[in-house]
Amino acid sequence: MLLSEAQERSLALMEYDRTKAIASLDEGKPVIPVWLDKIYQRLVLQLEKQGLK
């Protein structure tokens, strides 16, 4: 998940932690889910379609 780092005005990629996600949402900060396994699967499919893998 991506969490907002308020002091640095940036996003941090970290392993999903339900408690941290809820705390961030309670503070009004964005929590962006990232499914790297899904991204990887789609990338592999695209490469296979193009004959690159």
Protein backbone atom coordinates (compact mmCIF):
# COMPACT_ATOMS: atom_id res chain seq x y z
CA MET A 1 0.00 0.00 0.00
CA LEU A 2 1.05 3.57 -0.51
CA LEU A 3 0.80 5.82 2.54
CA SER A 4 1.26 9.56 2.72
CA GLU A 5 4.32 10.82 4.57
CA ALA A 6 3.03 14.15 5.86
CA GLN A 7 6.34 15.71 6.81
CA GLU A 8 8.01 14.87 3.51
CA ARG A 9 4.90 15.35 1.34
CA SER A 10 5.59 12.05 -0.37
CA LEU A 11 4.19 8.54 -0.57
CA ALA A 12 5.82 5.48 0.98
CA LEU A 13 5.36 1.97 -0.40
CA MET A 14 4.93 -0.51 2.44
CA GLU A 15 3.46 -3.89 3.21
CA TYR A 16 -0.26 -3.75 3.98
CA ASP A 17 -0.96 -3.17 7.66
CA ARG A 18 -4.65 -2.83 8.49
CA THR A 19 -4.00 -0.83 11.67
CA LYS A 20 -1.77 1.69 9.87
CA ALA A 21 -4.21 1.96 6.98
CA ILE A 22 -7.13 2.71 9.28
CA ALA A 23 -5.08 5.19 11.32
CA SER A 24 -4.06 7.03 8.14
CA LEU A 25 -7.64 7.15 6.91
CA ASP A 26 -8.78 8.46 10.31
CA GLU A 27 -6.20 11.26 9.94
CA GLY A 28 -7.58 12.10 6.50
CA LYS A 29 -4.48 10.83 4.70
CA PRO A 30 -4.76 8.81 1.50
CA VAL A 31 -4.19 5.06 1.49
CA ILE A 32 -3.67 3.62 -1.97
CA PRO A 33 -3.80 -0.16 -2.40
CA VAL A 34 -1.15 -1.60 -4.72
CA TRP A 35 -1.41 -5.18 -5.95
CA LEU A 36 2.08 -5.90 -7.26
CA ASP A 37 1.20 -9.52 -8.02
CA LYS A 38 -1.63 -8.36 -10.32
CA ILE A 39 0.64 -5.84 -12.02
CA TYR A 40 3.25 -8.56 -12.55
CA GLN A 41 0.67 -10.99 -13.99
CA ARG A 42 -0.58 -8.40 -16.48
CA LEU A 43 2.97 -7.51 -17.48
CA VAL A 44 3.79 -11.17 -18.14
CA LEU A 45 0.63 -11.58 -20.25
CA GLN A 46 1.49 -8.51 -22.31
CA LEU A 47 5.05 -9.72 -22.87
CA GLU A 48 3.78 -13.15 -23.91
CA LYS A 49 1.36 -11.58 -26.40
CA GLN A 50 4.25 -9.66 -27.92
CA GLY A 51 6.45 -12.76 -28.02
CA LEU A 52 8.98 -11.26 -25.63
CA LYS A 53 8.75 -13.94 -22.98
